[in-house]
Amino acid sequence: DGVSLSVRAGEVFGLLGPNGAGKTTMINVLATLLSPTAGSASVAGHDV
């Protein structure tokens, strides 16, 4: 629901939360396994 974040190159970035928080949904969007309803995301300079 309107999540924004930025990950720097070369860092370990943690997504912390309980079951059902939306962590795996976020990963699935960033890995192109799920299309977002709204907003934008890019990985390694490429739009997902």
All heavy atoms as atom14 arrays in JSON, in Angstrom:
{
  "sequence": "DGVSLSVRAGEVFGLLGPNGAGKTTMINVLATLLSPTAGSASVAGHDV",
  "atom14_mask": [
    [1, 1, 1, 1, 1, 1, 1, 1, 0, 0, 0, 0, 0, 0],
    [1, 1, 1, 1, 0, 0, 0, 0, 0, 0, 0, 0, 0, 0],
    [1, 1, 1, 1, 1, 1, 1, 0, 0, 0, 0, 0, 0, 0],
    [1, 1, 1, 1, 1, 1, 0, 0, 0, 0, 0, 0, 0, 0],
    [1, 1, 1, 1, 1, 1, 1, 1, 0, 0, 0, 0, 0, 0],
    [1, 1, 1, 1, 1, 1, 0, 0, 0, 0, 0, 0, 0, 0],
    [1, 1, 1, 1, 1, 1, 1, 0, 0, 0, 0, 0, 0, 0],
    [1, 1, 1, 1, 1, 1, 1, 1, 1, 1, 1, 0, 0, 0],
    [1, 1, 1, 1, 1, 0, 0, 0, 0, 0, 0, 0, 0, 0],
    [1, 1, 1, 1, 0, 0, 0, 0, 0, 0, 0, 0, 0, 0],
    [1, 1, 1, 1, 1, 1, 1, 1, 1, 0, 0, 0, 0, 0],
    [1, 1, 1, 1, 1, 1, 1, 0, 0, 0, 0, 0, 0, 0],
    [1, 1, 1, 1, 1, 1, 1, 1, 1, 1, 1, 0, 0, 0],
    [1, 1, 1, 1, 0, 0, 0, 0, 0, 0, 0, 0, 0, 0],
    [1, 1, 1, 1, 1, 1, 1, 1, 0, 0, 0, 0, 0, 0],
    [1, 1, 1, 1, 1, 1, 1, 1, 0, 0, 0, 0, 0, 0],
    [1, 1, 1, 1, 0, 0, 0, 0, 0, 0, 0, 0, 0, 0],
    [1, 1, 1, 1, 1, 1, 1, 0, 0, 0, 0, 0, 0, 0],
    [1, 1, 1, 1, 1, 1, 1, 1, 0, 0, 0, 0, 0, 0],
    [1, 1, 1, 1, 0, 0, 0, 0, 0, 0, 0, 0, 0, 0],
    [1, 1, 1, 1, 1, 0, 0, 0, 0, 0, 0, 0, 0, 0],
    [1, 1, 1, 1, 0, 0, 0, 0, 0, 0, 0, 0, 0, 0],
    [1, 1, 1, 1, 1, 1, 1, 1, 1, 0, 0, 0, 0, 0],
    [1, 1, 1, 1, 1, 1, 1, 0, 0, 0, 0, 0, 0, 0],
    [1, 1, 1, 1, 1, 1, 1, 0, 0, 0, 0, 0, 0, 0],
    [1, 1, 1, 1, 1, 1, 1, 1, 0, 0, 0, 0, 0, 0],
    [1, 1, 1, 1, 1, 1, 1, 1, 0, 0, 0, 0, 0, 0],
    [1, 1, 1, 1, 1, 1, 1, 1, 0, 0, 0, 0, 0, 0],
    [1, 1, 1, 1, 1, 1, 1, 0, 0, 0, 0, 0, 0, 0],
    [1, 1, 1, 1, 1, 1, 1, 1, 0, 0, 0, 0, 0, 0],
    [1, 1, 1, 1, 1, 0, 0, 0, 0, 0, 0, 0, 0, 0],
    [1, 1, 1, 1, 1, 1, 1, 0, 0, 0, 0, 0, 0, 0],
    [1, 1, 1, 1, 1, 1, 1, 1, 0, 0, 0, 0, 0, 0],
    [1, 1, 1, 1, 1, 1, 1, 1, 0, 0, 0, 0, 0, 0],
    [1, 1, 1, 1, 1, 1, 0, 0, 0, 0, 0, 0, 0, 0],
    [1, 1, 1, 1, 1, 1, 1, 0, 0, 0, 0, 0, 0, 0],
    [1, 1, 1, 1, 1, 1, 1, 0, 0, 0, 0, 0, 0, 0],
    [1, 1, 1, 1, 1, 0, 0, 0, 0, 0, 0, 0, 0, 0],
    [1, 1, 1, 1, 0, 0, 0, 0, 0, 0, 0, 0, 0, 0],
    [1, 1, 1, 1, 1, 1, 0, 0, 0, 0, 0, 0, 0, 0],
    [1, 1, 1, 1, 1, 0, 0, 0, 0, 0, 0, 0, 0, 0],
    [1, 1, 1, 1, 1, 1, 0, 0, 0, 0, 0, 0, 0, 0],
    [1, 1, 1, 1, 1, 1, 1, 0, 0, 0, 0, 0, 0, 0],
    [1, 1, 1, 1, 1, 0, 0, 0, 0, 0, 0, 0, 0, 0],
    [1, 1, 1, 1, 0, 0, 0, 0, 0, 0, 0, 0, 0, 0],
    [1, 1, 1, 1, 1, 1, 1, 1, 1, 1, 0, 0, 0, 0],
    [1, 1, 1, 1, 1, 1, 1, 1, 0, 0, 0, 0, 0, 0],
    [1, 1, 1, 1, 1, 1, 1, 0, 0, 0, 0, 0, 0, 0]
  ],
  "atom14_positions": [
    [[0.83, -1.2, 0.0], [0.0, 0.0, 0.0], [0.86, 1.26, 0.0], [1.07, 1.91, 1.02], [-0.92, -0.01, 1.23], [-2.01, 1.06, 1.15], [-2.15, 1.71, 0.1], [-2.73, 1.23, 2.15], [0.0, 0.0, 0.0], [0.0, 0.0, 0.0], [0.0, 0.0, 0.0], [0.0, 0.0, 0.0], [0.0, 0.0, 0.0], [0.0, 0.0, 0.0]],
    [[1.46, 1.55, -1.17], [2.23, 2.78, -1.32], [3.63, 2.72, -0.73], [4.11, 3.71, -0.17], [0.0, 0.0, 0.0], [0.0, 0.0, 0.0], [0.0, 0.0, 0.0], [0.0, 0.0, 0.0], [0.0, 0.0, 0.0], [0.0, 0.0, 0.0], [0.0, 0.0, 0.0], [0.0, 0.0, 0.0], [0.0, 0.0, 0.0], [0.0, 0.0, 0.0]],
    [[4.3, 1.59, -0.86], [5.64, 1.43, -0.28], [6.69, 2.08, -1.19], [6.66, 1.92, -2.41], [5.97, -0.06, -0.09], [7.41, -0.23, 0.41], [4.99, -0.7, 0.88], [0.0, 0.0, 0.0], [0.0, 0.0, 0.0], [0.0, 0.0, 0.0], [0.0, 0.0, 0.0], [0.0, 0.0, 0.0], [0.0, 0.0, 0.0], [0.0, 0.0, 0.0]],
    [[7.62, 2.8, -0.57], [8.76, 3.37, -1.29], [10.04, 2.98, -0.56], [10.07, 2.97, 0.67], [8.66, 4.9, -1.35], [7.53, 5.32, -2.1], [0.0, 0.0, 0.0], [0.0, 0.0, 0.0], [0.0, 0.0, 0.0], [0.0, 0.0, 0.0], [0.0, 0.0, 0.0], [0.0, 0.0, 0.0], [0.0, 0.0, 0.0], [0.0, 0.0, 0.0]],
    [[11.07, 2.66, -1.33], [12.37, 2.35, -0.73], [13.45, 2.45, -1.79], [13.18, 2.44, -2.99], [12.36, 0.95, -0.09], [12.02, -0.26, -0.96], [13.25, -0.81, -1.69], [11.4, -1.36, -0.11], [0.0, 0.0, 0.0], [0.0, 0.0, 0.0], [0.0, 0.0, 0.0], [0.0, 0.0, 0.0], [0.0, 0.0, 0.0], [0.0, 0.0, 0.0]],
    [[14.69, 2.53, -1.32], [15.84, 2.62, -2.21], [16.95, 1.74, -1.66], [17.23, 1.78, -0.45], [16.32, 4.07, -2.33], [17.46, 4.16, -3.15], [0.0, 0.0, 0.0], [0.0, 0.0, 0.0], [0.0, 0.0, 0.0], [0.0, 0.0, 0.0], [0.0, 0.0, 0.0], [0.0, 0.0, 0.0], [0.0, 0.0, 0.0], [0.0, 0.0, 0.0]],
    [[17.55, 0.93, -2.52], [18.64, 0.04, -2.12], [19.91, 0.46, -2.86], [19.91, 0.55, -4.09], [18.32, -1.43, -2.43], [19.47, -2.34, -2.01], [17.02, -1.86, -1.74], [0.0, 0.0, 0.0], [0.0, 0.0, 0.0], [0.0, 0.0, 0.0], [0.0, 0.0, 0.0], [0.0, 0.0, 0.0], [0.0, 0.0, 0.0], [0.0, 0.0, 0.0]],
    [[20.97, 0.7, -2.11], [22.23, 1.1, -2.72], [22.96, -0.11, -3.27], [22.82, -1.23, -2.76], [23.11, 1.82, -1.69], [22.54, 3.12, -1.16], [23.57, 3.86, -0.32], [23.89, 3.13, 0.89], [23.32, 3.34, 2.07], [22.38, 4.26, 2.18], [23.68, 2.65, 3.13], [0.0, 0.0, 0.0], [0.0, 0.0, 0.0], [0.0, 0.0, 0.0]],
    [[23.76, 0.12, -4.29], [24.57, -0.96, -4.85], [25.56, -1.46, -3.83], [26.21, -0.68, -3.13], [25.3, -0.47, -6.1], [0.0, 0.0, 0.0], [0.0, 0.0, 0.0], [0.0, 0.0, 0.0], [0.0, 0.0, 0.0], [0.0, 0.0, 0.0], [0.0, 0.0, 0.0], [0.0, 0.0, 0.0], [0.0, 0.0, 0.0], [0.0, 0.0, 0.0]],
    [[25.67, -2.79, -3.71], [26.66, -3.4, -2.84], [26.28, -3.53, -1.39], [27.1, -3.95, -0.57], [0.0, 0.0, 0.0], [0.0, 0.0, 0.0], [0.0, 0.0, 0.0], [0.0, 0.0, 0.0], [0.0, 0.0, 0.0], [0.0, 0.0, 0.0], [0.0, 0.0, 0.0], [0.0, 0.0, 0.0], [0.0, 0.0, 0.0], [0.0, 0.0, 0.0]],
    [[25.04, -3.22, -1.02], [24.64, -3.35, 0.38], [23.7, -4.53, 0.58], [23.09, -5.04, -0.37], [23.98, -2.06, 0.88], [22.55, -1.85, 0.43], [21.87, -0.68, 1.13], [22.24, -0.36, 2.29], [20.94, -0.09, 0.53], [0.0, 0.0, 0.0], [0.0, 0.0, 0.0], [0.0, 0.0, 0.0], [0.0, 0.0, 0.0], [0.0, 0.0, 0.0]],
    [[23.6, -4.97, 1.83], [22.59, -5.94, 2.22], [21.44, -5.17, 2.83], [21.61, -4.47, 3.83], [23.14, -6.97, 3.22], [22.03, -7.95, 3.62], [24.31, -7.73, 2.63], [0.0, 0.0, 0.0], [0.0, 0.0, 0.0], [0.0, 0.0, 0.0], [0.0, 0.0, 0.0], [0.0, 0.0, 0.0], [0.0, 0.0, 0.0], [0.0, 0.0, 0.0]],
    [[20.28, -5.3, 2.22], [19.11, -4.52, 2.61], [18.07, -5.49, 3.17], [17.75, -6.5, 2.54], [18.54, -3.78, 1.4], [17.42, -2.83, 1.71], [17.68, -1.53, 2.1], [16.09, -3.24, 1.63], [16.65, -0.65, 2.38], [15.06, -2.37, 1.91], [15.33, -1.07, 2.29], [0.0, 0.0, 0.0], [0.0, 0.0, 0.0], [0.0, 0.0, 0.0]],
    [[17.55, -5.2, 4.35], [16.61, -6.09, 5.0], [15.17, -5.62, 4.9], [14.89, -4.45, 5.13], [0.0, 0.0, 0.0], [0.0, 0.0, 0.0], [0.0, 0.0, 0.0], [0.0, 0.0, 0.0], [0.0, 0.0, 0.0], [0.0, 0.0, 0.0], [0.0, 0.0, 0.0], [0.0, 0.0, 0.0], [0.0, 0.0, 0.0], [0.0, 0.0, 0.0]],
    [[14.26, -6.55, 4.53], [12.83, -6.33, 4.62], [12.33, -7.15, 5.79], [12.3, -8.38, 5.73], [12.12, -6.76, 3.33], [12.23, -5.85, 2.11], [11.57, -6.52, 0.9], [11.56, -4.51, 2.38], [0.0, 0.0, 0.0], [0.0, 0.0, 0.0], [0.0, 0.0, 0.0], [0.0, 0.0, 0.0], [0.0, 0.0, 0.0], [0.0, 0.0, 0.0]],
    [[11.94, -6.49, 6.86], [11.57, -7.16, 8.1], [10.09, -7.0, 8.36], [9.53, -5.9, 8.2], [12.38, -6.55, 9.25], [12.1, -7.07, 10.67], [12.51, -8.53, 10.8], [12.85, -6.21, 11.69], [0.0, 0.0, 0.0], [0.0, 0.0, 0.0], [0.0, 0.0, 0.0], [0.0, 0.0, 0.0], [0.0, 0.0, 0.0], [0.0, 0.0, 0.0]],
    [[9.44, -8.1, 8.74], [8.02, -8.02, 9.06], [7.45, -9.38, 9.33], [8.05, -10.41, 9.0], [0.0, 0.0, 0.0], [0.0, 0.0, 0.0], [0.0, 0.0, 0.0], [0.0, 0.0, 0.0], [0.0, 0.0, 0.0], [0.0, 0.0, 0.0], [0.0, 0.0, 0.0], [0.0, 0.0, 0.0], [0.0, 0.0, 0.0], [0.0, 0.0, 0.0]],
    [[6.25, -9.44, 9.92], [5.63, -10.73, 10.23], [5.08, -11.4, 8.99], [5.08, -10.83, 7.89], [4.49, -10.34, 11.19], [4.13, -8.94, 10.76], [5.43, -8.3, 10.36], [0.0, 0.0, 0.0], [0.0, 0.0, 0.0], [0.0, 0.0, 0.0], [0.0, 0.0, 0.0], [0.0, 0.0, 0.0], [0.0, 0.0, 0.0], [0.0, 0.0, 0.0]],
    [[4.6, -12.62, 9.14], [3.92, -13.31, 8.03], [2.75, -12.47, 7.54], [1.99, -11.91, 8.34], [3.39, -14.67, 8.5], [4.45, -15.75, 8.44], [5.37, -15.68, 7.63], [4.34, -16.75, 9.3], [0.0, 0.0, 0.0], [0.0, 0.0, 0.0], [0.0, 0.0, 0.0], [0.0, 0.0, 0.0], [0.0, 0.0, 0.0], [0.0, 0.0, 0.0]],
    [[2.62, -12.38, 6.21], [1.52, -11.62, 5.64], [1.73, -10.13, 5.56], [0.83, -9.38, 5.18], [0.0, 0.0, 0.0], [0.0, 0.0, 0.0], [0.0, 0.0, 0.0], [0.0, 0.0, 0.0], [0.0, 0.0, 0.0], [0.0, 0.0, 0.0], [0.0, 0.0, 0.0], [0.0, 0.0, 0.0], [0.0, 0.0, 0.0], [0.0, 0.0, 0.0]],
    [[2.95, -9.68, 5.89], [3.22, -8.24, 5.89], [3.33, -7.67, 4.49], [3.11, -6.47, 4.28], [4.5, -7.94, 6.67], [0.0, 0.0, 0.0], [0.0, 0.0, 0.0], [0.0, 0.0, 0.0], [0.0, 0.0, 0.0], [0.0, 0.0, 0.0], [0.0, 0.0, 0.0], [0.0, 0.0, 0.0], [0.0, 0.0, 0.0], [0.0, 0.0, 0.0]],
    [[3.69, -8.52, 3.51], [3.88, -8.04, 2.14], [5.3, -8.2, 1.64], [5.63, -7.76, 0.53], [0.0, 0.0, 0.0], [0.0, 0.0, 0.0], [0.0, 0.0, 0.0], [0.0, 0.0, 0.0], [0.0, 0.0, 0.0], [0.0, 0.0, 0.0], [0.0, 0.0, 0.0], [0.0, 0.0, 0.0], [0.0, 0.0, 0.0], [0.0, 0.0, 0.0]],
    [[6.16, -8.86, 2.42], [7.58, -9.0, 2.05], [7.74, -9.81, 0.76], [8.43, -9.38, -0.17], [8.36, -9.68, 3.18], [8.25, -9.0, 4.53], [9.17, -9.64, 5.57], [8.88, -11.12, 5.8], [7.52, -11.36, 6.37], [0.0, 0.0, 0.0], [0.0, 0.0, 0.0], [0.0, 0.0, 0.0], [0.0, 0.0, 0.0], [0.0, 0.0, 0.0]],
    [[7.12, -10.97, 0.7], [7.26, -11.81, -0.49], [6.6, -11.16, -1.7], [7.09, -11.28, -2.83], [6.65, -13.2, -0.23], [7.39, -13.84, 0.82], [6.71, -14.08, -1.48], [0.0, 0.0, 0.0], [0.0, 0.0, 0.0], [0.0, 0.0, 0.0], [0.0, 0.0, 0.0], [0.0, 0.0, 0.0], [0.0, 0.0, 0.0], [0.0, 0.0, 0.0]],
    [[5.5, -10.44, -1.48], [4.87, -9.71, -2.58], [5.84, -8.69, -3.17], [5.96, -8.56, -4.4], [3.6, -8.99, -2.1], [2.67, -9.96, -1.59], [2.94, -8.22, -3.24], [0.0, 0.0, 0.0], [0.0, 0.0, 0.0], [0.0, 0.0, 0.0], [0.0, 0.0, 0.0], [0.0, 0.0, 0.0], [0.0, 0.0, 0.0], [0.0, 0.0, 0.0]],
    [[6.56, -8.0, -2.31], [7.56, -7.03, -2.78], [8.63, -7.73, -3.61], [9.0, -7.26, -4.7], [8.19, -6.32, -1.58], [9.37, -5.42, -1.95], [8.89, -3.97, -2.92], [8.15, -2.97, -1.6], [0.0, 0.0, 0.0], [0.0, 0.0, 0.0], [0.0, 0.0, 0.0], [0.0, 0.0, 0.0], [0.0, 0.0, 0.0], [0.0, 0.0, 0.0]],
    [[9.14, -8.86, -3.11], [10.17, -9.59, -3.84], [9.64, -10.06, -5.19], [10.34, -9.99, -6.22], [10.67, -10.8, -3.02], [11.39, -10.32, -1.76], [11.58, -11.69, -3.86], [12.64, -9.52, -2.03], [0.0, 0.0, 0.0], [0.0, 0.0, 0.0], [0.0, 0.0, 0.0], [0.0, 0.0, 0.0], [0.0, 0.0, 0.0], [0.0, 0.0, 0.0]],
    [[8.41, -10.54, -5.22], [7.83, -11.02, -6.48], [7.69, -9.91, -7.51], [7.85, -10.14, -8.71], [6.46, -11.67, -6.21], [6.58, -13.03, -5.57], [7.64, -13.65, -5.6], [5.5, -13.51, -4.97], [0.0, 0.0, 0.0], [0.0, 0.0, 0.0], [0.0, 0.0, 0.0], [0.0, 0.0, 0.0], [0.0, 0.0, 0.0], [0.0, 0.0, 0.0]],
    [[7.39, -8.7, -7.06], [7.33, -7.57, -7.99], [8.72, -7.24, -8.51], [8.93, -7.08, -9.72], [6.72, -6.33, -7.3], [6.88, -5.08, -8.19], [5.24, -6.55, -7.0], [0.0, 0.0, 0.0], [0.0, 0.0, 0.0], [0.0, 0.0, 0.0], [0.0, 0.0, 0.0], [0.0, 0.0, 0.0], [0.0, 0.0, 0.0], [0.0, 0.0, 0.0]],
    [[9.7, -7.18, -7.62], [11.06, -6.83, -8.03], [11.69, -7.9, -8.91], [12.56, -7.6, -9.72], [11.93, -6.59, -6.79], [11.51, -5.41, -5.9], [12.4, -5.32, -4.67], [11.55, -4.1, -6.68], [0.0, 0.0, 0.0], [0.0, 0.0, 0.0], [0.0, 0.0, 0.0], [0.0, 0.0, 0.0], [0.0, 0.0, 0.0], [0.0, 0.0, 0.0]],
    [[11.23, -9.14, -8.77], [11.75, -10.24, -9.59], [10.91, -10.46, -10.85], [11.12, -11.45, -11.56], [11.79, -11.53, -8.77], [0.0, 0.0, 0.0], [0.0, 0.0, 0.0], [0.0, 0.0, 0.0], [0.0, 0.0, 0.0], [0.0, 0.0, 0.0], [0.0, 0.0, 0.0], [0.0, 0.0, 0.0], [0.0, 0.0, 0.0], [0.0, 0.0, 0.0]],
    [[9.98, -9.57, -11.12], [9.11, -9.58, -12.32], [8.14, -10.75, -12.32], [7.6, -11.11, -13.37], [9.9, -9.58, -13.64], [10.47, -10.86, -13.88], [10.99, -8.51, -13.64], [0.0, 0.0, 0.0], [0.0, 0.0, 0.0], [0.0, 0.0, 0.0], [0.0, 0.0, 0.0], [0.0, 0.0, 0.0], [0.0, 0.0, 0.0], [0.0, 0.0, 0.0]],
    [[7.88, -11.36, -11.17], [6.92, -12.46, -11.09], [5.5, -11.96, -10.86], [4.54, -12.73, -11.02], [7.31, -13.41, -9.95], [8.67, -14.07, -10.06], [8.98, -14.88, -8.82], [8.73, -14.95, -11.31], [0.0, 0.0, 0.0], [0.0, 0.0, 0.0], [0.0, 0.0, 0.0], [0.0, 0.0, 0.0], [0.0, 0.0, 0.0], [0.0, 0.0, 0.0]],
    [[5.36, -10.69, -10.52], [4.05, -10.11, -10.22], [4.06, -8.66, -10.69], [5.0, -7.92, -10.43], [3.79, -10.18, -8.71], [2.46, -9.7, -8.17], [1.32, -10.58, -8.69], [2.47, -9.71, -6.65], [0.0, 0.0, 0.0], [0.0, 0.0, 0.0], [0.0, 0.0, 0.0], [0.0, 0.0, 0.0], [0.0, 0.0, 0.0], [0.0, 0.0, 0.0]],
    [[3.0, -8.25, -11.37], [2.91, -6.88, -11.86], [2.27, -5.98, -10.81], [1.27, -6.37, -10.19], [2.08, -6.82, -13.15], [2.72, -7.54, -14.2], [0.0, 0.0, 0.0], [0.0, 0.0, 0.0], [0.0, 0.0, 0.0], [0.0, 0.0, 0.0], [0.0, 0.0, 0.0], [0.0, 0.0, 0.0], [0.0, 0.0, 0.0], [0.0, 0.0, 0.0]],
    [[2.82, -4.8, -10.61], [2.23, -3.89, -9.63], [0.91, -3.29, -10.12], [0.7, -3.16, -11.33], [3.29, -2.81, -9.47], [4.03, -2.81, -10.78], [4.03, -4.24, -11.23], [0.0, 0.0, 0.0], [0.0, 0.0, 0.0], [0.0, 0.0, 0.0], [0.0, 0.0, 0.0], [0.0, 0.0, 0.0], [0.0, 0.0, 0.0], [0.0, 0.0, 0.0]],
    [[0.06, -2.94, -9.2], [-1.2, -2.28, -9.53], [-0.97, -0.8, -9.8], [-1.59, -0.21, -10.69], [-2.2, -2.45, -8.38], [-2.36, -3.84, -8.09], [-3.55, -1.85, -8.73], [0.0, 0.0, 0.0], [0.0, 0.0, 0.0], [0.0, 0.0, 0.0], [0.0, 0.0, 0.0], [0.0, 0.0, 0.0], [0.0, 0.0, 0.0], [0.0, 0.0, 0.0]],
    [[-0.06, -0.21, -9.05], [0.27, 1.21, -9.22], [1.68, 1.43, -8.69], [2.26, 0.58, -8.02], [-0.73, 2.1, -8.49], [0.0, 0.0, 0.0], [0.0, 0.0, 0.0], [0.0, 0.0, 0.0], [0.0, 0.0, 0.0], [0.0, 0.0, 0.0], [0.0, 0.0, 0.0], [0.0, 0.0, 0.0], [0.0, 0.0, 0.0], [0.0, 0.0, 0.0]],
    [[2.24, 2.61, -9.01], [3.6, 2.92, -8.59], [4.62, 2.38, -9.58], [4.27, 1.88, -10.66], [0.0, 0.0, 0.0], [0.0, 0.0, 0.0], [0.0, 0.0, 0.0], [0.0, 0.0, 0.0], [0.0, 0.0, 0.0], [0.0, 0.0, 0.0], [0.0, 0.0, 0.0], [0.0, 0.0, 0.0], [0.0, 0.0, 0.0], [0.0, 0.0, 0.0]],
    [[5.88, 2.47, -9.22], [6.96, 2.03, -10.11], [8.07, 1.37, -9.32], [8.23, 1.59, -8.11], [7.53, 3.22, -10.88], [8.14, 4.15, -9.99], [0.0, 0.0, 0.0], [0.0, 0.0, 0.0], [0.0, 0.0, 0.0], [0.0, 0.0, 0.0], [0.0, 0.0, 0.0], [0.0, 0.0, 0.0], [0.0, 0.0, 0.0], [0.0, 0.0, 0.0]],
    [[8.85, 0.54, -10.02], [10.01, -0.12, -9.41], [11.03, -0.4, -10.5], [10.67, -0.78, -11.61], [9.6, -1.41, -8.71], [0.0, 0.0, 0.0], [0.0, 0.0, 0.0], [0.0, 0.0, 0.0], [0.0, 0.0, 0.0], [0.0, 0.0, 0.0], [0.0, 0.0, 0.0], [0.0, 0.0, 0.0], [0.0, 0.0, 0.0], [0.0, 0.0, 0.0]],
    [[12.29, -0.21, -10.17], [13.37, -0.53, -11.1], [14.45, -1.3, -10.36], [14.69, -1.08, -9.17], [13.97, 0.73, -11.72], [14.61, 1.53, -10.73], [0.0, 0.0, 0.0], [0.0, 0.0, 0.0], [0.0, 0.0, 0.0], [0.0, 0.0, 0.0], [0.0, 0.0, 0.0], [0.0, 0.0, 0.0], [0.0, 0.0, 0.0], [0.0, 0.0, 0.0]],
    [[15.08, -2.24, -11.07], [16.16, -3.06, -10.52], [17.33, -3.0, -11.49], [17.16, -3.23, -12.69], [15.71, -4.52, -10.33], [16.87, -5.37, -9.8], [14.52, -4.61, -9.39], [0.0, 0.0, 0.0], [0.0, 0.0, 0.0], [0.0, 0.0, 0.0], [0.0, 0.0, 0.0], [0.0, 0.0, 0.0], [0.0, 0.0, 0.0], [0.0, 0.0, 0.0]],
    [[18.52, -2.68, -10.98], [19.72, -2.55, -11.81], [19.49, -1.59, -12.97], [20.0, -1.8, -14.07], [20.17, -3.91, -12.3], [0.0, 0.0, 0.0], [0.0, 0.0, 0.0], [0.0, 0.0, 0.0], [0.0, 0.0, 0.0], [0.0, 0.0, 0.0], [0.0, 0.0, 0.0], [0.0, 0.0, 0.0], [0.0, 0.0, 0.0], [0.0, 0.0, 0.0]],
    [[18.69, -0.56, -12.73], [18.44, 0.46, -13.74], [17.37, 0.12, -14.74], [17.14, 0.89, -15.68], [0.0, 0.0, 0.0], [0.0, 0.0, 0.0], [0.0, 0.0, 0.0], [0.0, 0.0, 0.0], [0.0, 0.0, 0.0], [0.0, 0.0, 0.0], [0.0, 0.0, 0.0], [0.0, 0.0, 0.0], [0.0, 0.0, 0.0], [0.0, 0.0, 0.0]],
    [[16.66, -1.0, -14.57], [15.64, -1.43, -15.51], [14.26, -1.47, -14.85], [14.11, -1.99, -13.74], [15.97, -2.81, -16.08], [17.31, -2.89, -16.74], [17.58, -2.3, -17.95], [18.47, -3.49, -16.34], [18.84, -2.54, -18.28], [19.4, -3.26, -17.32], [0.0, 0.0, 0.0], [0.0, 0.0, 0.0], [0.0, 0.0, 0.0], [0.0, 0.0, 0.0]],
    [[13.26, -0.94, -15.54], [11.89, -0.96, -15.03], [11.37, -2.39, -15.01], [11.52, -3.13, -16.0], [10.99, -0.09, -15.92], [9.59, 0.02, -15.37], [8.75, -0.85, -15.7], [9.32, 0.96, -14.6], [0.0, 0.0, 0.0], [0.0, 0.0, 0.0], [0.0, 0.0, 0.0], [0.0, 0.0, 0.0], [0.0, 0.0, 0.0], [0.0, 0.0, 0.0]],
    [[10.75, -2.79, -13.9], [10.33, -4.18, -13.74], [9.19, -4.58, -14.67], [8.96, -5.77, -14.92], [9.94, -4.49, -12.28], [11.13, -4.31, -11.35], [8.76, -3.64, -11.83], [0.0, 0.0, 0.0], [0.0, 0.0, 0.0], [0.0, 0.0, 0.0], [0.0, 0.0, 0.0], [0.0, 0.0, 0.0], [0.0, 0.0, 0.0], [0.0, 0.0, 0.0]]
  ]
}
